[in-house]
């Protein structure tokens, strides 16, 4: 597992709180079936970050005290080693349609180790949840998740506000794709919208 430079990690945690593009999670083992609810929450956050402008990061190994301040607990070696990219990729792909681009790294801080998951913004169309999670009400088939634009940072089903934002991003991406192919156009907004609606409705059947 690649270790990211400390200065890069410090930029992620310098605000000492979560944001729309950064989520903190407590330490656990990815392959521990007793912690499947934490794994489902990580999957939910990944599905939310991919539908958020510029994607984002999940830092694992950080808890909160009673005043909502971060406590840097870190992970032990067995926990770190459980975050195999191949194992995670299989789980993430099982819940996402289409697939998600992400990376898993390790970071060191205060003589402790952390896992950092970097999630890229979706490529062409917003990502839709493919199936229900093992934990009840964490992930639902056919739902589009994102990080909230206002209020406390959280992963949630899209509202009309985030949906408009997603559609604008998707249209821009489709226009850029056509530009790279040498096509000339005036407006492909309805085309991108129809493609996305067709994909979304397929999950409702």
N, C-alpha and C. Protein backbone atom coordinates (compact mmCIF):
# COMPACT_ATOMS: atom_id res chain seq x y z
N UNK A 1 0.84 -1.20 0.00
CA UNK A 1 0.00 0.00 0.00
C UNK A 1 0.88 1.25 0.00
N UNK A 2 0.59 2.16 -0.89
CA UNK A 2 1.38 3.39 -0.99
C UNK A 2 1.16 4.27 0.24
N UNK A 3 2.22 4.90 0.70
CA UNK A 3 2.12 5.84 1.82
C UNK A 3 2.18 7.25 1.26
N UNK A 4 1.17 8.04 1.56
CA UNK A 4 1.14 9.41 1.04
C UNK A 4 2.05 10.29 1.90
N UNK A 5 2.67 11.31 1.31
CA UNK A 5 3.54 12.22 2.07
C UNK A 5 2.79 12.87 3.23
N UNK A 6 3.52 13.09 4.32
CA UNK A 6 2.88 13.64 5.51
C UNK A 6 2.27 15.01 5.24
N UNK A 7 2.94 15.82 4.41
CA UNK A 7 2.39 17.16 4.15
C UNK A 7 1.06 17.08 3.42
N UNK A 8 0.90 16.06 2.58
CA UNK A 8 -0.38 15.87 1.90
C UNK A 8 -1.46 15.45 2.89
N UNK A 9 -1.10 14.58 3.83
CA UNK A 9 -2.06 14.14 4.85
C UNK A 9 -2.44 15.31 5.76
N UNK A 10 -1.47 16.14 6.11
CA UNK A 10 -1.75 17.28 6.99
C UNK A 10 -2.76 18.24 6.36
N UNK A 11 -2.72 18.37 5.04
CA UNK A 11 -3.69 19.23 4.36
C UNK A 11 -5.11 18.68 4.51
N UNK A 12 -5.24 17.35 4.58
CA UNK A 12 -6.56 16.74 4.72
C UNK A 12 -7.14 16.97 6.11
N UNK A 13 -6.28 17.00 7.12
CA UNK A 13 -6.78 17.06 8.48
C UNK A 13 -6.57 18.42 9.15
N UNK A 14 -5.99 19.39 8.42
CA UNK A 14 -5.64 20.66 9.05
C UNK A 14 -6.84 21.43 9.57
N UNK A 15 -8.01 21.27 8.94
CA UNK A 15 -9.21 21.97 9.41
C UNK A 15 -9.75 21.34 10.70
N UNK A 16 -9.30 20.12 11.00
CA UNK A 16 -9.70 19.40 12.23
C UNK A 16 -11.21 19.15 12.30
N UNK A 17 -11.85 19.08 11.16
CA UNK A 17 -13.27 18.70 11.13
C UNK A 17 -13.62 18.17 9.75
N UNK A 18 -14.75 17.50 9.67
CA UNK A 18 -15.20 16.96 8.39
C UNK A 18 -15.75 18.09 7.52
N UNK A 19 -15.77 17.83 6.22
CA UNK A 19 -16.33 18.80 5.27
C UNK A 19 -17.09 18.03 4.20
N UNK A 20 -17.56 18.75 3.21
CA UNK A 20 -18.29 18.07 2.14
C UNK A 20 -17.42 17.04 1.44
N UNK A 21 -16.14 17.29 1.34
CA UNK A 21 -15.24 16.41 0.59
C UNK A 21 -14.32 15.57 1.47
N UNK A 22 -14.50 15.64 2.79
CA UNK A 22 -13.66 14.87 3.70
C UNK A 22 -14.51 14.25 4.80
N UNK A 23 -14.35 12.95 5.01
CA UNK A 23 -15.09 12.22 6.04
C UNK A 23 -14.11 11.46 6.92
N UNK A 24 -14.31 11.51 8.24
CA UNK A 24 -13.50 10.76 9.19
C UNK A 24 -14.29 9.52 9.64
N UNK A 25 -13.59 8.38 9.79
CA UNK A 25 -14.22 7.16 10.27
C UNK A 25 -13.32 6.50 11.32
N UNK A 26 -13.92 5.80 12.29
CA UNK A 26 -13.10 5.13 13.31
C UNK A 26 -12.36 3.93 12.75
N UNK A 27 -11.38 3.46 13.49
CA UNK A 27 -10.58 2.32 13.07
C UNK A 27 -11.40 1.03 13.12
N UNK A 28 -11.19 0.17 12.12
CA UNK A 28 -11.80 -1.15 12.09
C UNK A 28 -11.10 -1.97 11.03
N UNK A 29 -11.43 -3.26 10.96
CA UNK A 29 -10.87 -4.14 9.93
C UNK A 29 -11.90 -4.33 8.82
N UNK A 30 -11.49 -4.12 7.59
CA UNK A 30 -12.39 -4.26 6.44
C UNK A 30 -12.96 -5.67 6.33
N UNK A 31 -12.22 -6.67 6.76
CA UNK A 31 -12.66 -8.06 6.59
C UNK A 31 -13.29 -8.63 7.86
N UNK A 32 -13.50 -7.81 8.88
CA UNK A 32 -14.13 -8.27 10.11
C UNK A 32 -15.64 -8.25 9.94
N UNK A 33 -16.26 -9.42 9.90
CA UNK A 33 -17.70 -9.49 9.70
C UNK A 33 -18.49 -8.92 10.87
N UNK A 34 -17.85 -8.77 12.02
CA UNK A 34 -18.52 -8.14 13.15
C UNK A 34 -18.63 -6.63 12.99
N UNK A 35 -17.89 -6.10 12.01
CA UNK A 35 -17.92 -4.65 11.75
C UNK A 35 -18.52 -4.35 10.38
N UNK A 36 -19.42 -5.23 9.90
CA UNK A 36 -19.98 -5.05 8.56
C UNK A 36 -20.75 -3.74 8.44
N UNK A 37 -21.33 -3.26 9.55
CA UNK A 37 -22.08 -2.00 9.50
C UNK A 37 -21.16 -0.82 9.24
N UNK A 38 -19.92 -0.89 9.78
CA UNK A 38 -18.94 0.16 9.48
C UNK A 38 -18.50 0.09 8.03
N UNK A 39 -18.32 -1.13 7.54
CA UNK A 39 -17.96 -1.31 6.13
C UNK A 39 -19.07 -0.77 5.22
N UNK A 40 -20.33 -1.02 5.58
CA UNK A 40 -21.45 -0.49 4.80
C UNK A 40 -21.47 1.04 4.82
N UNK A 41 -21.09 1.62 5.96
CA UNK A 41 -21.05 3.09 6.03
C UNK A 41 -19.93 3.66 5.16
N UNK A 42 -18.81 2.95 5.10
CA UNK A 42 -17.73 3.38 4.20
C UNK A 42 -18.20 3.31 2.76
N UNK A 43 -18.88 2.22 2.40
CA UNK A 43 -19.40 2.08 1.03
C UNK A 43 -20.38 3.20 0.72
N UNK A 44 -21.23 3.54 1.66
CA UNK A 44 -22.20 4.63 1.47
C UNK A 44 -21.47 5.95 1.23
N UNK A 45 -20.41 6.20 2.02
CA UNK A 45 -19.66 7.44 1.85
C UNK A 45 -18.96 7.48 0.51
N UNK A 46 -18.43 6.35 0.06
CA UNK A 46 -17.80 6.30 -1.26
C UNK A 46 -18.81 6.63 -2.34
N UNK A 47 -20.02 6.05 -2.24
CA UNK A 47 -21.06 6.34 -3.22
C UNK A 47 -21.52 7.79 -3.15
N UNK A 48 -21.38 8.41 -1.99
CA UNK A 48 -21.73 9.83 -1.87
C UNK A 48 -20.66 10.74 -2.42
N UNK A 49 -19.39 10.43 -2.15
CA UNK A 49 -18.30 11.28 -2.61
C UNK A 49 -18.15 11.26 -4.13
N UNK A 50 -18.40 10.10 -4.75
CA UNK A 50 -18.25 10.02 -6.20
C UNK A 50 -19.25 10.92 -6.92
N UNK A 51 -20.39 11.20 -6.28
CA UNK A 51 -21.40 12.09 -6.86
C UNK A 51 -21.30 13.52 -6.33
N UNK A 52 -20.16 13.85 -5.77
CA UNK A 52 -19.91 15.19 -5.23
C UNK A 52 -18.82 15.86 -6.05
N UNK A 53 -18.97 17.14 -6.40
CA UNK A 53 -17.95 17.82 -7.20
C UNK A 53 -16.55 17.61 -6.62
N UNK A 54 -15.62 17.16 -7.47
CA UNK A 54 -14.22 16.91 -7.12
C UNK A 54 -14.01 15.67 -6.27
N UNK A 55 -15.05 14.89 -6.00
CA UNK A 55 -14.88 13.69 -5.20
C UNK A 55 -14.49 14.01 -3.78
N UNK A 56 -13.60 13.20 -3.18
CA UNK A 56 -13.20 13.50 -1.82
C UNK A 56 -12.40 12.38 -1.17
N UNK A 57 -12.25 12.48 0.16
CA UNK A 57 -11.39 11.56 0.91
C UNK A 57 -12.13 11.02 2.14
N UNK A 58 -11.83 9.77 2.46
CA UNK A 58 -12.24 9.17 3.72
C UNK A 58 -10.98 8.83 4.49
N UNK A 59 -10.86 9.35 5.70
CA UNK A 59 -9.70 9.06 6.54
C UNK A 59 -10.17 8.13 7.66
N UNK A 60 -9.60 6.93 7.71
CA UNK A 60 -10.01 5.93 8.69
C UNK A 60 -8.98 5.86 9.81
N UNK A 61 -9.49 5.92 11.04
CA UNK A 61 -8.63 5.90 12.21
C UNK A 61 -8.82 7.14 13.08
N UNK A 62 -9.88 7.90 12.80
CA UNK A 62 -10.16 9.14 13.54
C UNK A 62 -11.55 9.06 14.16
N UNK A 63 -11.61 9.29 15.46
CA UNK A 63 -12.88 9.34 16.17
C UNK A 63 -13.16 10.76 16.63
N UNK A 64 -14.31 10.98 17.27
CA UNK A 64 -14.67 12.30 17.78
C UNK A 64 -14.85 12.23 19.29
N UNK A 65 -14.44 13.31 19.99
CA UNK A 65 -14.70 13.38 21.42
C UNK A 65 -16.07 14.00 21.66
N UNK A 66 -16.41 14.24 22.90
CA UNK A 66 -17.75 14.76 23.24
C UNK A 66 -18.00 16.15 22.68
N UNK A 67 -16.93 16.86 22.29
CA UNK A 67 -17.06 18.20 21.70
C UNK A 67 -16.91 18.18 20.18
N UNK A 68 -17.03 16.99 19.59
CA UNK A 68 -16.95 16.81 18.14
C UNK A 68 -15.57 17.14 17.58
N UNK A 69 -14.55 17.11 18.43
CA UNK A 69 -13.18 17.33 17.96
C UNK A 69 -12.55 15.99 17.61
N UNK A 70 -11.69 15.97 16.56
CA UNK A 70 -11.10 14.70 16.14
C UNK A 70 -10.10 14.15 17.15
N UNK A 71 -10.15 12.85 17.31
CA UNK A 71 -9.19 12.14 18.15
C UNK A 71 -8.46 11.15 17.24
N UNK A 72 -7.16 11.31 17.12
CA UNK A 72 -6.38 10.51 16.18
C UNK A 72 -5.95 9.20 16.83
N UNK A 73 -6.75 8.17 16.61
CA UNK A 73 -6.54 6.87 17.22
C UNK A 73 -5.56 6.03 16.40
N UNK A 74 -5.74 6.03 15.08
CA UNK A 74 -4.90 5.24 14.20
C UNK A 74 -5.36 3.79 14.11
N UNK A 75 -4.70 3.01 13.25
CA UNK A 75 -5.01 1.60 13.04
C UNK A 75 -3.79 0.75 13.34
N UNK A 76 -4.03 -0.50 13.76
CA UNK A 76 -2.92 -1.42 13.93
C UNK A 76 -2.58 -2.06 12.59
N UNK A 77 -1.51 -2.84 12.54
CA UNK A 77 -1.03 -3.40 11.27
C UNK A 77 -2.06 -4.33 10.64
N UNK A 78 -2.71 -5.16 11.46
CA UNK A 78 -3.71 -6.07 10.90
C UNK A 78 -4.88 -5.32 10.27
N UNK A 79 -5.30 -4.25 10.92
CA UNK A 79 -6.39 -3.44 10.37
C UNK A 79 -5.97 -2.79 9.05
N UNK A 80 -4.78 -2.24 9.02
CA UNK A 80 -4.29 -1.60 7.80
C UNK A 80 -4.21 -2.61 6.66
N UNK A 81 -3.67 -3.77 6.94
CA UNK A 81 -3.50 -4.79 5.90
C UNK A 81 -4.83 -5.32 5.38
N UNK A 82 -5.90 -5.17 6.15
CA UNK A 82 -7.21 -5.65 5.70
C UNK A 82 -7.79 -4.81 4.58
N UNK A 83 -7.28 -3.59 4.42
CA UNK A 83 -7.80 -2.69 3.38
C UNK A 83 -7.09 -2.94 2.05
N UNK A 84 -7.22 -4.15 1.58
CA UNK A 84 -6.67 -4.52 0.28
C UNK A 84 -7.52 -3.89 -0.82
N UNK A 85 -6.86 -3.24 -1.79
CA UNK A 85 -7.61 -2.59 -2.88
C UNK A 85 -8.48 -3.59 -3.62
N UNK A 86 -7.95 -4.78 -3.90
CA UNK A 86 -8.72 -5.76 -4.67
C UNK A 86 -9.98 -6.19 -3.92
N UNK A 87 -9.85 -6.42 -2.60
CA UNK A 87 -11.02 -6.79 -1.80
C UNK A 87 -12.04 -5.66 -1.76
N UNK A 88 -11.55 -4.44 -1.60
CA UNK A 88 -12.45 -3.29 -1.54
C UNK A 88 -13.11 -3.05 -2.89
N UNK A 89 -12.34 -3.21 -3.96
CA UNK A 89 -12.87 -2.98 -5.30
C UNK A 89 -14.05 -3.90 -5.59
N UNK A 90 -13.92 -5.16 -5.18
CA UNK A 90 -15.02 -6.09 -5.39
C UNK A 90 -16.28 -5.67 -4.67
N UNK A 91 -16.14 -5.20 -3.44
CA UNK A 91 -17.30 -4.74 -2.67
C UNK A 91 -17.90 -3.47 -3.27
N UNK A 92 -17.05 -2.51 -3.59
CA UNK A 92 -17.54 -1.24 -4.13
C UNK A 92 -18.26 -1.46 -5.46
N UNK A 93 -17.66 -2.26 -6.35
CA UNK A 93 -18.28 -2.52 -7.64
C UNK A 93 -19.62 -3.24 -7.48
N UNK A 94 -19.75 -4.03 -6.42
CA UNK A 94 -21.00 -4.73 -6.19
C UNK A 94 -22.16 -3.81 -5.86
N UNK A 95 -21.84 -2.59 -5.37
CA UNK A 95 -22.88 -1.64 -4.99
C UNK A 95 -23.03 -0.47 -5.97
N UNK A 96 -22.11 -0.31 -6.91
CA UNK A 96 -22.12 0.89 -7.74
C UNK A 96 -22.41 0.58 -9.20
N UNK A 97 -23.19 1.44 -9.82
CA UNK A 97 -23.46 1.33 -11.26
C UNK A 97 -23.43 2.73 -11.86
N UNK A 98 -22.47 3.01 -12.77
CA UNK A 98 -21.34 2.14 -13.16
C UNK A 98 -20.27 2.10 -12.06
N UNK A 99 -19.11 1.54 -12.37
CA UNK A 99 -18.06 1.38 -11.37
C UNK A 99 -17.43 2.71 -10.97
N UNK A 100 -16.76 2.69 -9.82
CA UNK A 100 -16.19 3.89 -9.22
C UNK A 100 -14.67 3.82 -9.24
N UNK A 101 -14.04 4.96 -9.53
CA UNK A 101 -12.58 5.06 -9.45
C UNK A 101 -12.18 5.56 -8.07
N UNK A 102 -11.38 4.77 -7.38
CA UNK A 102 -10.89 5.19 -6.05
C UNK A 102 -9.51 4.60 -5.82
N UNK A 103 -8.84 5.09 -4.79
CA UNK A 103 -7.50 4.62 -4.46
C UNK A 103 -7.39 4.49 -2.95
N UNK A 104 -6.55 3.57 -2.49
CA UNK A 104 -6.36 3.35 -1.05
C UNK A 104 -4.90 3.55 -0.71
N UNK A 105 -4.64 4.41 0.28
CA UNK A 105 -3.27 4.71 0.70
C UNK A 105 -3.17 4.65 2.22
N UNK A 106 -1.94 4.74 2.69
CA UNK A 106 -1.67 4.78 4.12
C UNK A 106 -1.01 6.10 4.46
N UNK A 107 -1.23 6.60 5.66
CA UNK A 107 -0.60 7.85 6.10
C UNK A 107 -0.13 7.68 7.54
N UNK A 108 0.94 8.41 7.91
CA UNK A 108 1.47 8.39 9.27
C UNK A 108 1.35 9.78 9.88
N UNK A 109 0.97 9.80 11.18
CA UNK A 109 0.82 11.08 11.88
C UNK A 109 0.86 10.80 13.37
N UNK A 110 1.67 11.56 14.10
CA UNK A 110 1.80 11.39 15.54
C UNK A 110 2.15 9.93 15.90
N UNK A 111 3.02 9.33 15.10
CA UNK A 111 3.47 7.95 15.30
C UNK A 111 2.32 6.95 15.23
N UNK A 112 1.27 7.29 14.51
CA UNK A 112 0.14 6.41 14.29
C UNK A 112 -0.11 6.31 12.79
N UNK A 113 -0.81 5.25 12.40
CA UNK A 113 -1.05 5.01 10.98
C UNK A 113 -2.55 5.08 10.68
N UNK A 114 -2.84 5.59 9.48
CA UNK A 114 -4.22 5.80 9.04
C UNK A 114 -4.39 5.29 7.61
N UNK A 115 -5.61 4.93 7.26
CA UNK A 115 -5.94 4.56 5.89
C UNK A 115 -6.69 5.72 5.26
N UNK A 116 -6.30 6.07 4.04
CA UNK A 116 -6.93 7.17 3.31
C UNK A 116 -7.50 6.63 2.00
N UNK A 117 -8.79 6.80 1.82
CA UNK A 117 -9.46 6.39 0.58
C UNK A 117 -9.77 7.65 -0.22
N UNK A 118 -9.20 7.74 -1.40
CA UNK A 118 -9.46 8.87 -2.29
C UNK A 118 -10.48 8.44 -3.34
N UNK A 119 -11.58 9.17 -3.44
CA UNK A 119 -12.66 8.84 -4.38
C UNK A 119 -12.72 9.90 -5.46
N UNK A 120 -12.66 9.46 -6.71
CA UNK A 120 -12.72 10.38 -7.84
C UNK A 120 -14.17 10.73 -8.19
N UNK A 121 -14.39 11.94 -8.66
CA UNK A 121 -15.71 12.32 -9.18
C UNK A 121 -16.10 11.41 -10.34
N UNK A 122 -17.40 11.12 -10.48
CA UNK A 122 -17.86 10.19 -11.52
C UNK A 122 -17.39 10.64 -12.91
N UNK A 123 -17.21 9.66 -13.81
CA UNK A 123 -16.66 9.93 -15.14
C UNK A 123 -17.69 10.54 -16.09
N UNK A 124 -18.83 9.88 -16.27
CA UNK A 124 -19.81 10.31 -17.27
C UNK A 124 -21.18 10.60 -16.67
N UNK A 125 -21.73 9.62 -15.98
CA UNK A 125 -23.06 9.73 -15.40
C UNK A 125 -22.99 9.52 -13.90
N UNK A 126 -23.88 10.14 -13.13
CA UNK A 126 -23.91 9.91 -11.68
C UNK A 126 -24.03 8.43 -11.34
N UNK A 127 -23.46 8.04 -10.21
CA UNK A 127 -23.45 6.66 -9.78
C UNK A 127 -24.72 6.32 -9.02
N UNK A 128 -25.31 5.18 -9.34
CA UNK A 128 -26.53 4.72 -8.70
C UNK A 128 -26.21 3.49 -7.86
N UNK A 129 -26.79 3.39 -6.67
CA UNK A 129 -26.59 2.23 -5.82
C UNK A 129 -27.25 1.00 -6.46
N UNK A 130 -26.50 -0.09 -6.55
CA UNK A 130 -26.94 -1.28 -7.28
C UNK A 130 -27.80 -2.23 -6.43
N UNK A 131 -27.60 -2.23 -5.09
CA UNK A 131 -28.33 -3.18 -4.26
C UNK A 131 -28.40 -2.68 -2.81
N UNK A 132 -29.25 -3.32 -2.02
CA UNK A 132 -29.37 -2.99 -0.60
C UNK A 132 -28.15 -3.49 0.16
N UNK A 133 -27.79 -2.80 1.22
CA UNK A 133 -26.68 -3.21 2.06
C UNK A 133 -27.12 -4.26 3.06
N UNK A 134 -26.14 -4.95 3.64
CA UNK A 134 -26.44 -5.92 4.68
C UNK A 134 -27.04 -5.23 5.90
N UNK A 135 -26.53 -4.04 6.22
CA UNK A 135 -27.07 -3.24 7.32
C UNK A 135 -28.34 -2.55 6.85
N UNK A 136 -29.38 -2.64 7.62
CA UNK A 136 -30.67 -2.07 7.22
C UNK A 136 -30.60 -0.55 7.11
N UNK A 137 -31.12 -0.03 6.01
CA UNK A 137 -31.29 1.41 5.78
C UNK A 137 -29.99 2.20 5.59
N UNK A 138 -28.86 1.53 5.38
CA UNK A 138 -27.64 2.27 5.08
C UNK A 138 -27.51 2.51 3.58
N UNK A 139 -27.69 1.46 2.78
CA UNK A 139 -27.67 1.60 1.32
C UNK A 139 -28.92 0.96 0.75
N UNK A 140 -29.56 1.67 -0.20
CA UNK A 140 -30.77 1.19 -0.82
C UNK A 140 -30.61 1.13 -2.34
N UNK A 141 -31.06 0.04 -2.92
CA UNK A 141 -31.00 -0.14 -4.37
C UNK A 141 -31.76 0.97 -5.10
N UNK A 142 -31.12 1.53 -6.14
CA UNK A 142 -31.76 2.55 -6.95
C UNK A 142 -31.62 3.97 -6.44
N UNK A 143 -30.97 4.15 -5.27
CA UNK A 143 -30.81 5.48 -4.69
C UNK A 143 -29.50 6.10 -5.16
N UNK A 144 -29.52 7.41 -5.40
CA UNK A 144 -28.32 8.16 -5.75
C UNK A 144 -27.88 8.92 -4.49
N UNK A 145 -26.68 8.66 -4.03
CA UNK A 145 -26.17 9.31 -2.83
C UNK A 145 -25.20 10.43 -3.20
N UNK A 146 -25.07 11.39 -2.29
CA UNK A 146 -24.13 12.49 -2.48
C UNK A 146 -23.77 13.04 -1.11
N UNK A 147 -22.86 14.00 -1.09
CA UNK A 147 -22.55 14.74 0.13
C UNK A 147 -23.37 16.01 0.11
N UNK A 148 -23.99 16.34 1.23
CA UNK A 148 -24.91 17.48 1.30
C UNK A 148 -24.20 18.79 1.01
N UNK A 149 -24.92 19.68 0.33
CA UNK A 149 -24.36 20.99 -0.01
C UNK A 149 -24.46 21.97 1.15
N UNK A 150 -25.42 21.79 2.04
CA UNK A 150 -25.60 22.72 3.16
C UNK A 150 -25.79 21.94 4.45
N UNK A 151 -25.62 22.62 5.57
CA UNK A 151 -25.75 21.96 6.85
C UNK A 151 -24.53 21.12 7.18
N UNK A 152 -24.63 20.31 8.23
CA UNK A 152 -23.49 19.45 8.61
C UNK A 152 -23.12 18.51 7.48
N UNK A 153 -21.83 18.26 7.26
CA UNK A 153 -21.43 17.35 6.18
C UNK A 153 -21.93 15.95 6.45
N UNK A 154 -22.61 15.38 5.48
CA UNK A 154 -23.13 14.02 5.62
C UNK A 154 -23.39 13.43 4.25
N UNK A 155 -23.47 12.10 4.20
CA UNK A 155 -23.83 11.40 2.97
C UNK A 155 -25.32 11.13 3.01
N UNK A 156 -26.01 11.48 1.93
CA UNK A 156 -27.47 11.41 1.93
C UNK A 156 -27.98 11.17 0.52
N UNK A 157 -29.24 10.70 0.39
CA UNK A 157 -29.85 10.63 -0.94
C UNK A 157 -29.95 12.04 -1.53
N UNK A 158 -29.80 12.17 -2.83
CA UNK A 158 -29.82 13.49 -3.44
C UNK A 158 -31.19 14.14 -3.27
N UNK A 159 -31.19 15.44 -3.07
CA UNK A 159 -32.40 16.24 -3.13
C UNK A 159 -32.44 16.91 -4.50
N UNK A 160 -33.47 17.72 -4.73
CA UNK A 160 -33.55 18.39 -6.03
C UNK A 160 -32.37 19.34 -6.23
N UNK A 161 -31.80 19.86 -5.14
CA UNK A 161 -30.67 20.79 -5.24
C UNK A 161 -29.44 20.04 -5.77
N UNK A 162 -29.10 18.92 -5.15
CA UNK A 162 -27.95 18.16 -5.60
C UNK A 162 -28.17 17.52 -6.97
N UNK A 163 -29.43 17.16 -7.26
CA UNK A 163 -29.72 16.57 -8.56
C UNK A 163 -29.44 17.55 -9.69
N UNK A 164 -29.82 18.80 -9.52
CA UNK A 164 -29.51 19.81 -10.54
C UNK A 164 -28.00 19.95 -10.71
N UNK A 165 -27.29 19.94 -9.60
CA UNK A 165 -25.84 20.04 -9.65
C UNK A 165 -25.25 18.86 -10.41
N UNK A 166 -25.74 17.64 -10.13
CA UNK A 166 -25.26 16.44 -10.80
C UNK A 166 -25.53 16.50 -12.30
N UNK A 167 -26.72 16.96 -12.68
CA UNK A 167 -27.06 17.01 -14.09
C UNK A 167 -26.18 18.02 -14.83
N UNK A 168 -25.88 19.14 -14.20
CA UNK A 168 -25.00 20.13 -14.83
C UNK A 168 -23.60 19.54 -15.04
N UNK A 169 -23.10 18.82 -14.04
CA UNK A 169 -21.78 18.20 -14.17
C UNK A 169 -21.79 17.17 -15.29
N UNK A 170 -22.85 16.33 -15.33
CA UNK A 170 -22.94 15.28 -16.34
C UNK A 170 -23.00 15.88 -17.74
N UNK A 171 -23.77 16.94 -17.91
CA UNK A 171 -23.88 17.59 -19.22
C UNK A 171 -22.52 18.15 -19.64
N UNK A 172 -21.83 18.80 -18.71
CA UNK A 172 -20.50 19.34 -19.03
C UNK A 172 -19.54 18.23 -19.46
N UNK A 173 -19.60 17.10 -18.78
CA UNK A 173 -18.72 15.99 -19.13
C UNK A 173 -19.04 15.43 -20.52
N UNK A 174 -20.33 15.33 -20.85
CA UNK A 174 -20.70 14.83 -22.17
C UNK A 174 -20.28 15.82 -23.27
N UNK A 175 -20.40 17.10 -22.98
CA UNK A 175 -19.98 18.10 -23.96
C UNK A 175 -18.47 18.04 -24.19
N UNK A 176 -17.72 17.86 -23.10
CA UNK A 176 -16.26 17.77 -23.22
C UNK A 176 -15.87 16.52 -24.00
N UNK A 177 -16.58 15.42 -23.79
CA UNK A 177 -16.29 14.19 -24.51
C UNK A 177 -16.50 14.39 -26.02
N UNK A 178 -17.58 15.08 -26.38
CA UNK A 178 -17.84 15.34 -27.80
C UNK A 178 -16.79 16.27 -28.39
N UNK A 179 -16.35 17.25 -27.61
CA UNK A 179 -15.31 18.16 -28.08
C UNK A 179 -14.04 17.39 -28.40
N UNK A 180 -13.66 16.45 -27.51
CA UNK A 180 -12.44 15.67 -27.73
C UNK A 180 -12.55 14.81 -28.98
N UNK A 181 -13.75 14.42 -29.34
CA UNK A 181 -13.96 13.60 -30.53
C UNK A 181 -14.11 14.43 -31.80
N UNK A 182 -14.09 15.75 -31.63
CA UNK A 182 -14.16 16.62 -32.79
C UNK A 182 -15.56 16.98 -33.24
N UNK A 183 -16.59 16.64 -32.43
CA UNK A 183 -17.96 16.98 -32.80
C UNK A 183 -18.26 18.44 -32.47
N UNK A 184 -19.14 19.01 -33.26
CA UNK A 184 -19.65 20.34 -32.98
C UNK A 184 -21.11 20.20 -32.57
N UNK A 185 -21.55 21.02 -31.66
CA UNK A 185 -22.90 20.88 -31.12
C UNK A 185 -23.37 22.23 -30.58
N UNK A 186 -24.65 22.28 -30.30
CA UNK A 186 -25.21 23.46 -29.64
C UNK A 186 -25.62 23.13 -28.20
N UNK A 187 -26.41 22.08 -28.03
CA UNK A 187 -26.88 21.75 -26.69
C UNK A 187 -27.15 20.26 -26.62
N UNK A 188 -26.48 19.56 -25.71
CA UNK A 188 -26.74 18.14 -25.54
C UNK A 188 -27.36 17.87 -24.18
N UNK A 189 -27.80 18.90 -23.52
CA UNK A 189 -28.42 18.73 -22.21
C UNK A 189 -29.51 17.69 -22.19
N UNK A 190 -30.53 17.77 -23.09
CA UNK A 190 -31.60 16.76 -23.10
C UNK A 190 -31.08 15.35 -23.36
N UNK A 191 -30.03 15.22 -24.18
CA UNK A 191 -29.47 13.90 -24.47
C UNK A 191 -28.91 13.28 -23.20
N UNK A 192 -28.09 14.04 -22.48
CA UNK A 192 -27.50 13.52 -21.24
C UNK A 192 -28.58 13.21 -20.22
N UNK A 193 -29.58 14.07 -20.12
CA UNK A 193 -30.65 13.86 -19.16
C UNK A 193 -31.43 12.60 -19.48
N UNK A 194 -31.74 12.38 -20.75
CA UNK A 194 -32.50 11.19 -21.14
C UNK A 194 -31.72 9.91 -20.87
N UNK A 195 -30.41 9.93 -21.13
CA UNK A 195 -29.58 8.77 -20.85
C UNK A 195 -29.58 8.43 -19.36
N UNK A 196 -29.45 9.47 -18.55
CA UNK A 196 -29.42 9.26 -17.11
C UNK A 196 -30.77 8.78 -16.59
N UNK A 197 -31.87 9.36 -17.07
CA UNK A 197 -33.20 8.95 -16.62
C UNK A 197 -33.49 7.50 -17.01
N UNK A 198 -33.03 7.09 -18.18
CA UNK A 198 -33.21 5.71 -18.61
C UNK A 198 -32.49 4.76 -17.67
N UNK A 199 -31.26 5.12 -17.29
CA UNK A 199 -30.49 4.29 -16.37
C UNK A 199 -31.15 4.24 -14.99
N UNK A 200 -31.61 5.40 -14.50
CA UNK A 200 -32.21 5.45 -13.17
C UNK A 200 -33.48 4.62 -13.11
N UNK A 201 -34.34 4.71 -14.13
CA UNK A 201 -35.61 4.00 -14.13
C UNK A 201 -35.42 2.50 -14.19
N UNK A 202 -34.28 2.06 -14.76
CA UNK A 202 -34.02 0.62 -14.85
C UNK A 202 -33.92 0.00 -13.46
N UNK A 203 -33.52 0.79 -12.47
CA UNK A 203 -33.38 0.27 -11.10
C UNK A 203 -34.72 0.23 -10.37
N UNK A 204 -35.75 0.87 -10.92
CA UNK A 204 -37.03 0.91 -10.26
C UNK A 204 -37.91 -0.27 -10.64
N UNK A 205 -37.50 -1.04 -11.65
CA UNK A 205 -38.30 -2.17 -12.11
C UNK A 205 -38.17 -3.37 -11.18
